[in-house]
């Protein structure tokens, strides 16, 4: 479906401009997995990237005393249903980094 306000010649001009741009892109070798990435996968990676950038900036601005790192592949962005297995992982990783207080 093409926009009604664009004439055929304008549409062809846009297509040709896009083709020229794509041809100028470096032809990098990429590894392809057996699975094609869908819209969800791309959005998830974009969100992870944004969160990582924001976290890096916040950590630089407000350095913490301790950093407890959870592996990024422990859960996906929307896997909140896995909380029962991820919370113990958080406690385990925190126990590795935080000093133990003896009462």
PDB file of N, CA and C in Angstrom:
ATOM      1  N   UNK A   1       0.853  -1.178   0.000  1.00  0.00           N
ATOM      2  CA  UNK A   1       0.000   0.000   0.000  1.00  0.00           C
ATOM      3  C   UNK A   1       0.887   1.226   0.000  1.00  0.00           C
ATOM      4  N   UNK A   2       0.741   2.020  -1.036  1.00  0.00           N
ATOM      5  CA  UNK A   2       1.538   3.232  -1.149  1.00  0.00           C
ATOM      6  C   UNK A   2       0.684   4.430  -0.788  1.00  0.00           C
ATOM      7  N   UNK A   3       1.314   5.443  -0.224  1.00  0.00           N
ATOM      8  CA  UNK A   3       0.556   6.637   0.131  1.00  0.00           C
ATOM      9  C   UNK A   3      -0.082   7.266  -1.101  1.00  0.00           C
ATOM     10  N   UNK A   4      -1.324   7.671  -0.970  1.00  0.00           N
ATOM     11  CA  UNK A   4      -2.078   8.213  -2.095  1.00  0.00           C
ATOM     12  C   UNK A   4      -1.499   9.534  -2.583  1.00  0.00           C
ATOM     13  N   UNK A   5      -0.861  10.292  -1.704  1.00  0.00           N
ATOM     14  CA  UNK A   5      -0.381  11.617  -2.094  1.00  0.00           C
ATOM     15  C   UNK A   5       0.918  11.565  -2.912  1.00  0.00           C
ATOM     16  N   UNK A   6       1.529  10.398  -3.031  1.00  0.00           N
ATOM     17  CA  UNK A   6       2.759  10.281  -3.807  1.00  0.00           C
ATOM     18  C   UNK A   6       2.439   9.771  -5.208  1.00  0.00           C
ATOM     19  N   UNK A   7       2.968  10.455  -6.193  1.00  0.00           N
ATOM     20  CA  UNK A   7       2.793   9.995  -7.565  1.00  0.00           C
ATOM     21  C   UNK A   7       3.732   8.829  -7.818  1.00  0.00           C
ATOM     22  N   UNK A   8       3.457   8.059  -8.857  1.00  0.00           N
ATOM     23  CA  UNK A   8       4.264   6.885  -9.185  1.00  0.00           C
ATOM     24  C   UNK A   8       5.724   7.261  -9.395  1.00  0.00           C
ATOM     25  N   UNK A   9       6.003   8.384 -10.043  1.00  0.00           N
ATOM     26  CA  UNK A   9       7.392   8.785 -10.292  1.00  0.00           C
ATOM     27  C   UNK A   9       8.116   9.109  -8.990  1.00  0.00           C
ATOM     28  N   UNK A  10       7.392   9.718  -8.029  1.00  0.00           N
ATOM     29  CA  UNK A  10       8.003  10.005  -6.728  1.00  0.00           C
ATOM     30  C   UNK A  10       8.318   8.714  -5.984  1.00  0.00           C
ATOM     31  N   UNK A  11       7.396   7.760  -6.042  1.00  0.00           N
ATOM     32  CA  UNK A  11       7.600   6.467  -5.381  1.00  0.00           C
ATOM     33  C   UNK A  11       8.807   5.754  -5.978  1.00  0.00           C
ATOM     34  N   UNK A  12       8.921   5.791  -7.314  1.00  0.00           N
ATOM     35  CA  UNK A  12      10.062   5.153  -7.962  1.00  0.00           C
ATOM     36  C   UNK A  12      11.365   5.841  -7.567  1.00  0.00           C
ATOM     37  N   UNK A  13      11.326   7.165  -7.427  1.00  0.00           N
ATOM     38  CA  UNK A  13      12.512   7.916  -7.006  1.00  0.00           C
ATOM     39  C   UNK A  13      12.948   7.529  -5.604  1.00  0.00           C
ATOM     40  N   UNK A  14      11.973   7.389  -4.693  1.00  0.00           N
ATOM     41  CA  UNK A  14      12.297   6.952  -3.338  1.00  0.00           C
ATOM     42  C   UNK A  14      12.891   5.557  -3.343  1.00  0.00           C
ATOM     43  N   UNK A  15      12.292   4.665  -4.102  1.00  0.00           N
ATOM     44  CA  UNK A  15      12.798   3.280  -4.168  1.00  0.00           C
ATOM     45  C   UNK A  15      14.225   3.250  -4.688  1.00  0.00           C
ATOM     46  N   UNK A  16      14.504   4.030  -5.733  1.00  0.00           N
ATOM     47  CA  UNK A  16      15.845   4.050  -6.300  1.00  0.00           C
ATOM     48  C   UNK A  16      16.845   4.635  -5.303  1.00  0.00           C
ATOM     49  N   UNK A  17      16.449   5.668  -4.571  1.00  0.00           N
ATOM     50  CA  UNK A  17      17.323   6.246  -3.556  1.00  0.00           C
ATOM     51  C   UNK A  17      17.658   5.213  -2.487  1.00  0.00           C
ATOM     52  N   UNK A  18      16.666   4.450  -2.071  1.00  0.00           N
ATOM     53  CA  UNK A  18      16.887   3.405  -1.061  1.00  0.00           C
ATOM     54  C   UNK A  18      17.801   2.316  -1.615  1.00  0.00           C
ATOM     55  N   UNK A  19      17.574   1.911  -2.858  1.00  0.00           N
ATOM     56  CA  UNK A  19      18.441   0.885  -3.480  1.00  0.00           C
ATOM     57  C   UNK A  19      19.897   1.348  -3.534  1.00  0.00           C
ATOM     58  N   UNK A  20      20.120   2.616  -3.943  1.00  0.00           N
ATOM     59  CA  UNK A  20      21.492   3.142  -4.008  1.00  0.00           C
ATOM     60  C   UNK A  20      22.127   3.155  -2.624  1.00  0.00           C
ATOM     61  N   UNK A  21      21.354   3.551  -1.619  1.00  0.00           N
ATOM     62  CA  UNK A  21      21.869   3.572  -0.247  1.00  0.00           C
ATOM     63  C   UNK A  21      22.269   2.178   0.199  1.00  0.00           C
ATOM     64  N   UNK A  22      21.431   1.206  -0.055  1.00  0.00           N
ATOM     65  CA  UNK A  22      21.712  -0.173   0.353  1.00  0.00           C
ATOM     66  C   UNK A  22      22.944  -0.710  -0.368  1.00  0.00           C
ATOM     67  N   UNK A  23      23.096  -0.382  -1.631  1.00  0.00           N
ATOM     68  CA  UNK A  23      24.269  -0.853  -2.380  1.00  0.00           C
ATOM     69  C   UNK A  23      25.560  -0.266  -1.829  1.00  0.00           C
ATOM     70  N   UNK A  24      25.492   0.940  -1.268  1.00  0.00           N
ATOM     71  CA  UNK A  24      26.699   1.577  -0.711  1.00  0.00           C
ATOM     72  C   UNK A  24      27.073   1.058   0.662  1.00  0.00           C
ATOM     73  N   UNK A  25      26.156   0.361   1.322  1.00  0.00           N
ATOM     74  CA  UNK A  25      26.461  -0.172   2.648  1.00  0.00           C
ATOM     75  C   UNK A  25      27.559  -1.225   2.534  1.00  0.00           C
ATOM     76  N   UNK A  26      28.443  -1.270   3.525  1.00  0.00           N
ATOM     77  CA  UNK A  26      29.484  -2.310   3.481  1.00  0.00           C
ATOM     78  C   UNK A  26      28.845  -3.690   3.556  1.00  0.00           C
ATOM     79  N   UNK A  27      29.355  -4.559   2.764  1.00  0.00           N
ATOM     80  CA  UNK A  27      28.844  -5.926   2.731  1.00  0.00           C
ATOM     81  C   UNK A  27      29.570  -6.755   3.776  1.00  0.00           C
ATOM     82  N   UNK A  28      29.178  -6.578   5.023  1.00  0.00           N
ATOM     83  CA  UNK A  28      29.808  -7.298   6.126  1.00  0.00           C
ATOM     84  C   UNK A  28      29.302  -8.727   6.159  1.00  0.00           C
ATOM     85  N   UNK A  29      30.207  -9.614   6.511  1.00  0.00           N
ATOM     86  CA  UNK A  29      29.793 -11.001   6.681  1.00  0.00           C
ATOM     87  C   UNK A  29      29.115 -11.120   8.031  1.00  0.00           C
ATOM     88  N   UNK A  30      27.959 -11.703   8.033  1.00  0.00           N
ATOM     89  CA  UNK A  30      27.227 -11.881   9.275  1.00  0.00           C
ATOM     90  C   UNK A  30      26.872 -13.338   9.434  1.00  0.00           C
ATOM     91  N   UNK A  31      26.839 -13.750  10.689  1.00  0.00           N
ATOM     92  CA  UNK A  31      26.421 -15.110  10.977  1.00  0.00           C
ATOM     93  C   UNK A  31      24.912 -15.109  11.131  1.00  0.00           C
ATOM     94  N   UNK A  32      24.289 -16.085  10.518  1.00  0.00           N
ATOM     95  CA  UNK A  32      22.845 -16.201  10.634  1.00  0.00           C
ATOM     96  C   UNK A  32      22.529 -17.459  11.412  1.00  0.00           C
ATOM     97  N   UNK A  33      21.645 -17.313  12.365  1.00  0.00           N
ATOM     98  CA  UNK A  33      21.213 -18.489  13.098  1.00  0.00           C
ATOM     99  C   UNK A  33      20.089 -19.153  12.323  1.00  0.00           C
ATOM    100  N   UNK A  34      19.691 -20.309  12.790  1.00  0.00           N
ATOM    101  CA  UNK A  34      18.593 -21.007  12.144  1.00  0.00           C
ATOM    102  C   UNK A  34      17.267 -20.291  12.345  1.00  0.00           C
ATOM    103  N   UNK A  35      17.224 -19.448  13.376  1.00  0.00           N
ATOM    104  CA  UNK A  35      15.995 -18.721  13.665  1.00  0.00           C
ATOM    105  C   UNK A  35      16.100 -17.310  13.101  1.00  0.00           C
ATOM    106  N   UNK A  36      15.050 -16.850  12.479  1.00  0.00           N
ATOM    107  CA  UNK A  36      15.001 -15.467  12.028  1.00  0.00           C
ATOM    108  C   UNK A  36      14.534 -14.599  13.185  1.00  0.00           C
ATOM    109  N   UNK A  37      15.107 -13.442  13.294  1.00  0.00           N
ATOM    110  CA  UNK A  37      14.706 -12.531  14.356  1.00  0.00           C
ATOM    111  C   UNK A  37      13.384 -11.892  13.985  1.00  0.00           C
ATOM    112  N   UNK A  38      12.477 -11.876  14.919  1.00  0.00           N
ATOM    113  CA  UNK A  38      11.198 -11.229  14.713  1.00  0.00           C
ATOM    114  C   UNK A  38      11.184  -9.862  15.362  1.00  0.00           C
ATOM    115  N   UNK A  39      10.056  -9.213  15.274  1.00  0.00           N
ATOM    116  CA  UNK A  39       9.904  -7.881  15.845  1.00  0.00           C
ATOM    117  C   UNK A  39      10.146  -7.895  17.349  1.00  0.00           C
ATOM    118  N   UNK A  40       9.653  -8.915  18.043  1.00  0.00           N
ATOM    119  CA  UNK A  40       9.859  -9.013  19.494  1.00  0.00           C
ATOM    120  C   UNK A  40      11.350  -9.092  19.823  1.00  0.00           C
ATOM    121  N   UNK A  41      12.101  -9.913  19.082  1.00  0.00           N
ATOM    122  CA  UNK A  41      13.533 -10.075  19.345  1.00  0.00           C
ATOM    123  C   UNK A  41      14.280  -8.756  19.153  1.00  0.00           C
ATOM    124  N   UNK A  42      13.932  -8.040  18.115  1.00  0.00           N
ATOM    125  CA  UNK A  42      14.591  -6.759  17.848  1.00  0.00           C
ATOM    126  C   UNK A  42      14.245  -5.745  18.930  1.00  0.00           C
ATOM    127  N   UNK A  43      12.977  -5.674  19.300  1.00  0.00           N
ATOM    128  CA  UNK A  43      12.564  -4.746  20.360  1.00  0.00           C
ATOM    129  C   UNK A  43      13.239  -5.098  21.674  1.00  0.00           C
ATOM    130  N   UNK A  44      13.330  -6.371  21.991  1.00  0.00           N
ATOM    131  CA  UNK A  44      13.968  -6.808  23.231  1.00  0.00           C
ATOM    132  C   UNK A  44      15.437  -6.403  23.261  1.00  0.00           C
ATOM    133  N   UNK A  45      16.134  -6.586  22.151  1.00  0.00           N
ATOM    134  CA  UNK A  45      17.545  -6.194  22.079  1.00  0.00           C
ATOM    135  C   UNK A  45      17.699  -4.684  22.204  1.00  0.00           C
ATOM    136  N   UNK A  46      16.775  -3.934  21.613  1.00  0.00           N
ATOM    137  CA  UNK A  46      16.834  -2.472  21.711  1.00  0.00           C
ATOM    138  C   UNK A  46      16.629  -2.031  23.157  1.00  0.00           C
ATOM    139  N   UNK A  47      15.674  -2.643  23.839  1.00  0.00           N
ATOM    140  CA  UNK A  47      15.422  -2.306  25.243  1.00  0.00           C
ATOM    141  C   UNK A  47      16.632  -2.661  26.096  1.00  0.00           C
ATOM    142  N   UNK A  48      17.213  -3.842  25.880  1.00  0.00           N
ATOM    143  CA  UNK A  48      18.413  -4.235  26.627  1.00  0.00           C
ATOM    144  C   UNK A  48      19.552  -3.235  26.416  1.00  0.00           C
ATOM    145  N   UNK A  49      19.714  -2.811  25.182  1.00  0.00           N
ATOM    146  CA  UNK A  49      20.778  -1.856  24.867  1.00  0.00           C
ATOM    147  C   UNK A  49      20.546  -0.519  25.565  1.00  0.00           C
ATOM    148  N   UNK A  50      19.298  -0.042  25.527  1.00  0.00           N
ATOM    149  CA  UNK A  50      18.980   1.221  26.209  1.00  0.00           C
ATOM    150  C   UNK A  50      19.213   1.111  27.709  1.00  0.00           C
ATOM    151  N   UNK A  51      18.750   0.008  28.303  1.00  0.00           N
ATOM    152  CA  UNK A  51      18.919  -0.168  29.740  1.00  0.00           C
ATOM    153  C   UNK A  51      20.396  -0.223  30.108  1.00  0.00           C
ATOM    154  N   UNK A  52      21.186  -0.877  29.285  1.00  0.00           N
ATOM    155  CA  UNK A  52      22.614  -0.976  29.548  1.00  0.00           C
ATOM    156  C   UNK A  52      23.281   0.397  29.507  1.00  0.00           C
ATOM    157  N   UNK A  53      22.907   1.195  28.525  1.00  0.00           N
ATOM    158  CA  UNK A  53      23.474   2.542  28.401  1.00  0.00           C
ATOM    159  C   UNK A  53      23.081   3.407  29.594  1.00  0.00           C
ATOM    160  N   UNK A  54      21.812   3.365  29.957  1.00  0.00           N
ATOM    161  CA  UNK A  54      21.343   4.165  31.095  1.00  0.00           C
ATOM    162  C   UNK A  54      22.021   3.710  32.381  1.00  0.00           C
ATOM    163  N   UNK A  55      22.124   2.394  32.577  1.00  0.00           N
ATOM    164  CA  UNK A  55      22.768   1.877  33.791  1.00  0.00           C
ATOM    165  C   UNK A  55      24.230   2.311  33.858  1.00  0.00           C
ATOM    166  N   UNK A  56      24.937   2.263  32.730  1.00  0.00           N
ATOM    167  CA  UNK A  56      26.348   2.684  32.713  1.00  0.00           C
ATOM    168  C   UNK A  56      26.488   4.151  33.109  1.00  0.00           C
ATOM    169  N   UNK A  57      25.604   4.985  32.576  1.00  0.00           N
ATOM    170  CA  UNK A  57      25.658   6.406  32.907  1.00  0.00           C
ATOM    171  C   UNK A  57      25.340   6.648  34.380  1.00  0.00           C
ATOM    172  N   UNK A  58      24.342   5.949  34.902  1.00  0.00           N
ATOM    173  CA  UNK A  58      23.972   6.114  36.312  1.00  0.00           C
ATOM    174  C   UNK A  58      25.093   5.632  37.231  1.00  0.00           C
ATOM    175  N   UNK A  59      25.719   4.501  36.873  1.00  0.00           N
ATOM    176  CA  UNK A  59      26.817   3.979  37.690  1.00  0.00           C
ATOM    177  C   UNK A  59      28.011   4.930  37.685  1.00  0.00           C
ATOM    178  N   UNK A  60      28.260   5.572  36.541  1.00  0.00           N
ATOM    179  CA  UNK A  60      29.365   6.529  36.465  1.00  0.00           C
ATOM    180  C   UNK A  60      29.056   7.773  37.292  1.00  0.00           C
ATOM    181  N   UNK A  61      27.803   8.196  37.282  1.00  0.00           N
ATOM    182  CA  UNK A  61      27.421   9.404  38.017  1.00  0.00           C
ATOM    183  C   UNK A  61      27.303   9.158  39.519  1.00  0.00           C
ATOM    184  N   UNK A  62      26.820   7.976  39.882  1.00  0.00           N
ATOM    185  CA  UNK A  62      26.594   7.635  41.287  1.00  0.00           C
ATOM    186  C   UNK A  62      27.219   6.274  41.590  1.00  0.00           C
ATOM    187  N   UNK A  63      28.542   6.230  41.773  1.00  0.00           N
ATOM    188  CA  UNK A  63      29.202   4.938  41.967  1.00  0.00           C
ATOM    189  C   UNK A  63      28.719   4.233  43.237  1.00  0.00           C
ATOM    190  N   UNK A  64      28.304   2.983  43.109  1.00  0.00           N
ATOM    191  CA  UNK A  64      27.838   2.232  44.281  1.00  0.00           C
ATOM    192  C   UNK A  64      29.001   1.630  45.053  1.00  0.00           C
ATOM    193  N   UNK A  65      28.728   1.212  46.282  1.00  0.00           N
ATOM    194  CA  UNK A  65      29.740   0.520  47.067  1.00  0.00           C
ATOM    195  C   UNK A  65      29.959  -0.892  46.537  1.00  0.00           C
ATOM    196  N   UNK A  66      28.882  -1.529  46.107  1.00  0.00           N
ATOM    197  CA  UNK A  66      28.953  -2.893  45.576  1.00  0.00           C
ATOM    198  C   UNK A  66      28.098  -2.978  44.322  1.00  0.00           C
ATOM    199  N   UNK A  67      28.524  -3.842  43.418  1.00  0.00           N
ATOM    200  CA  UNK A  67      27.729  -4.124  42.222  1.00  0.00           C
ATOM    201  C   UNK A  67      27.483  -5.621  42.178  1.00  0.00           C
ATOM    202  N   UNK A  68      26.237  -6.008  42.195  1.00  0.00           N
ATOM    203  CA  UNK A  68      25.860  -7.417  42.078  1.00  0.00           C
ATOM    204  C   UNK A  68      25.440  -7.632  40.631  1.00  0.00           C
ATOM    205  N   UNK A  69      26.188  -8.431  39.912  1.00  0.00           N
ATOM    206  CA  UNK A  69      25.905  -8.636  38.496  1.00  0.00           C
ATOM    207  C   UNK A  69      25.186  -9.961  38.280  1.00  0.00           C
ATOM    208  N   UNK A  70      24.072  -9.884  37.594  1.00  0.00           N
ATOM    209  CA  UNK A  70      23.302 -11.057  37.201  1.00  0.00           C
ATOM    210  C   UNK A  70      23.549 -11.250  35.709  1.00  0.00           C
ATOM    211  N   UNK A  71      23.846 -12.461  35.264  1.00  0.00           N
ATOM    212  CA  UNK A  71      24.079 -12.664  33.829  1.00  0.00           C
ATOM    213  C   UNK A  71      22.892 -12.180  32.998  1.00  0.00           C
ATOM    214  N   UNK A  72      23.187 -11.507  31.929  1.00  0.00           N
ATOM    215  CA  UNK A  72      22.161 -10.947  31.059  1.00  0.00           C
ATOM    216  C   UNK A  72      21.285 -12.031  30.446  1.00  0.00           C
ATOM    217  N   UNK A  73      21.833 -13.203  30.254  1.00  0.00           N
ATOM    218  CA  UNK A  73      21.063 -14.283  29.640  1.00  0.00           C
ATOM    219  C   UNK A  73      20.275 -15.102  30.665  1.00  0.00           C
ATOM    220  N   UNK A  74      20.231 -14.645  31.906  1.00  0.00           N
ATOM    221  CA  UNK A  74      19.485 -15.364  32.940  1.00  0.00           C
ATOM    222  C   UNK A  74      17.985 -15.312  32.669  1.00  0.00           C
ATOM    223  N   UNK A  75      17.523 -14.233  32.078  1.00  0.00           N
ATOM    224  CA  UNK A  75      16.099 -14.098  31.768  1.00  0.00           C
ATOM    225  C   UNK A  75      15.913 -13.035  30.702  1.00  0.00           C
ATOM    226  N   UNK A  76      14.828 -13.153  29.974  1.00  0.00           N
ATOM    227  CA  UNK A  76      14.485 -12.172  28.958  1.00  0.00           C
ATOM    228  C   UNK A  76      13.722 -11.014  29.576  1.00  0.00           C
ATOM    229  N   UNK A  77      13.514  -9.997  28.793  1.00  0.00           N
ATOM    230  CA  UNK A  77      12.855  -8.779  29.252  1.00  0.00           C
ATOM    231  C   UNK A  77      11.471  -9.037  29.842  1.00  0.00           C
ATOM    232  N   UNK A  78      10.710  -9.894  29.215  1.00  0.00           N
ATOM    233  CA  UNK A  78       9.331 -10.109  29.644  1.00  0.00           C
ATOM    234  C   UNK A  78       9.122 -11.419  30.399  1.00  0.00           C
ATOM    235  N   UNK A  79      10.171 -12.023  30.908  1.00  0.00           N
ATOM    236  CA  UNK A  79      10.047 -13.307  31.592  1.00  0.00           C
ATOM    237  C   UNK A  79       9.810 -13.133  33.091  1.00  0.00           C
ATOM    238  N   UNK A  80       8.844 -12.303  33.426  1.00  0.00           N
ATOM    239  CA  UNK A  80       8.534 -12.063  34.833  1.00  0.00           C
ATOM    240  C   UNK A  80       7.917 -13.295  35.481  1.00  0.00           C
ATOM    241  N   UNK A  81       7.424 -14.213  34.685  1.00  0.00           N
ATOM    242  CA  UNK A  81       6.847 -15.447  35.228  1.00  0.00           C
ATOM    243  C   UNK A  81       7.912 -16.363  35.820  1.00  0.00           C
ATOM    244  N   UNK A  82       9.176 -16.059  35.597  1.00  0.00           N
ATOM    245  CA  UNK A  82      10.277 -16.878  36.115  1.00  0.00           C
ATOM    246  C   UNK A  82      10.841 -16.323  37.416  1.00  0.00           C
ATOM    247  N   UNK A  83      10.114 -15.458  38.074  1.00  0.00           N
ATOM    248  CA  UNK A  83      10.596 -14.809  39.304  1.00  0.00           C
ATOM    249  C   UNK A  83      10.998 -15.824  40.367  1.00  0.00           C
ATOM    250  N   UNK A  84      10.252 -16.922  40.493  1.00  0.00           N
ATOM    251  CA  UNK A  84      10.549 -17.914  41.533  1.00  0.00           C
ATOM    252  C   UNK A  84      11.946 -18.516  41.385  1.00  0.00           C
ATOM    253  N   UNK A  85      12.452 -18.614  40.171  1.00  0.00           N
ATOM    254  CA  UNK A  85      13.810 -19.148  39.993  1.00  0.00           C
ATOM    255  C   UNK A  85      14.860 -18.048  39.941  1.00  0.00           C
ATOM    256  N   UNK A  86      14.460 -16.832  39.577  1.00  0.00           N
ATOM    257  CA  UNK A  86      15.431 -15.747  39.446  1.00  0.00           C
ATOM    258  C   UNK A  86      15.739 -15.056  40.771  1.00  0.00           C
ATOM    259  N   UNK A  87      14.776 -14.986  41.670  1.00  0.00           N
ATOM    260  CA  UNK A  87      15.023 -14.347  42.975  1.00  0.00           C
ATOM    261  C   UNK A  87      16.114 -15.091  43.747  1.00  0.00           C
ATOM    262  N   UNK A  88      16.071 -16.443  43.832  1.00  0.00           N
ATOM    263  CA  UNK A  88      17.183 -17.144  44.499  1.00  0.00           C
ATOM    264  C   UNK A  88      18.536 -16.891  43.819  1.00  0.00           C
ATOM    265  N   UNK A  89      18.531 -16.747  42.497  1.00  0.00           N
ATOM    266  CA  UNK A  89      19.778 -16.425  41.788  1.00  0.00           C
ATOM    267  C   UNK A  89      20.299 -15.071  42.258  1.00  0.00           C
ATOM    268  N   UNK A  90      19.399 -14.113  42.429  1.00  0.00           N
ATOM    269  CA  UNK A  90      19.792 -12.795  42.937  1.00  0.00           C
ATOM    270  C   UNK A  90      20.393 -12.874  44.327  1.00  0.00           C
ATOM    271  N   UNK A  91      19.773 -13.665  45.195  1.00  0.00           N
ATOM    272  CA  UNK A  91      20.326 -13.845  46.548  1.00  0.00           C
ATOM    273  C   UNK A  91      21.703 -14.518  46.501  1.00  0.00           C
ATOM    274  N   UNK A  92      21.842 -15.506  45.630  1.00  0.00           N
ATOM    275  CA  UNK A  92      23.122 -16.204  45.510  1.00  0.00           C
ATOM    276  C   UNK A  92      24.215 -15.242  45.050  1.00  0.00           C
ATOM    277  N   UNK A  93      23.939 -14.483  43.995  1.00  0.00           N
ATOM    278  CA  UNK A  93      24.941 -13.540  43.476  1.00  0.00           C
ATOM    279  C   UNK A  93      25.244 -12.444  44.495  1.00  0.00           C
ATOM    280  N   UNK A  94      24.231 -11.974  45.217  1.00  0.00           N
ATOM    281  CA  UNK A  94      24.463 -10.954  46.242  1.00  0.00           C
ATOM    282  C   UNK A  94      25.337 -11.515  47.357  1.00  0.00           C
ATOM    283  N   UNK A  95      25.118 -12.781  47.716  1.00  0.00           N
ATOM    284  CA  UNK A  95      25.925 -13.420  48.759  1.00  0.00           C
ATOM    285  C   UNK A  95      27.384 -13.529  48.372  1.00  0.00           C
ATOM    286  N   UNK A  96      27.664 -13.643  47.071  1.00  0.00           N
ATOM    287  CA  UNK A  96      29.052 -13.726  46.587  1.00  0.00           C
ATOM    288  C   UNK A  96      29.779 -12.387  46.698  1.00  0.00           C
ATOM    289  N   UNK A  97      29.040 -11.279  46.643  1.00  0.00           N
ATOM    290  CA  UNK A  97      29.660  -9.960  46.619  1.00  0.00           C
ATOM    291  C   UNK A  97      29.588  -9.202  47.922  1.00  0.00           C
ATOM    292  N   UNK A  98      28.522  -9.375  48.666  1.00  0.00           N
ATOM    293  CA  UNK A  98      28.315  -8.573  49.856  1.00  0.00           C
ATOM    294  C   UNK A  98      28.980  -9.210  51.073  1.00  0.00           C
ATOM    295  N   UNK A  99      29.539  -8.396  51.955  1.00  0.00           N
ATOM    296  CA  UNK A  99      30.139  -8.947  53.162  1.00  0.00           C
ATOM    297  C   UNK A  99      29.059  -9.543  54.071  1.00  0.00           C
ATOM    298  N   UNK A 100      29.406 -10.605  54.749  1.00  0.00           N
ATOM    299  CA  UNK A 100      28.475 -11.257  55.650  1.00  0.00           C
ATOM    300  C   UNK A 100      28.658 -10.660  57.030  1.00  0.00           C
ATOM    301  N   UNK A 101      27.546 -10.202  57.618  1.00  0.00           N
ATOM    302  CA  UNK A 101      27.598  -9.649  58.973  1.00  0.00           C
ATOM    303  C   UNK A 101      27.260 -10.758  59.961  1.00  0.00           C
ATOM    304  N   UNK A 102      28.095 -10.900  60.976  1.00  0.00           N
ATOM    305  CA  UNK A 102      27.847 -11.903  62.012  1.00  0.00           C
ATOM    306  C   UNK A 102      27.335 -11.173  63.241  1.00  0.00           C
ATOM    307  N   UNK A 103      26.170 -11.601  63.720  1.00  0.00           N
ATOM    308  CA  UNK A 103      25.554 -10.924  64.890  1.00  0.00           C
ATOM    309  C   UNK A 103      26.092 -11.493  66.173  1.00  0.00           C
TER     310      UNK A 103
END
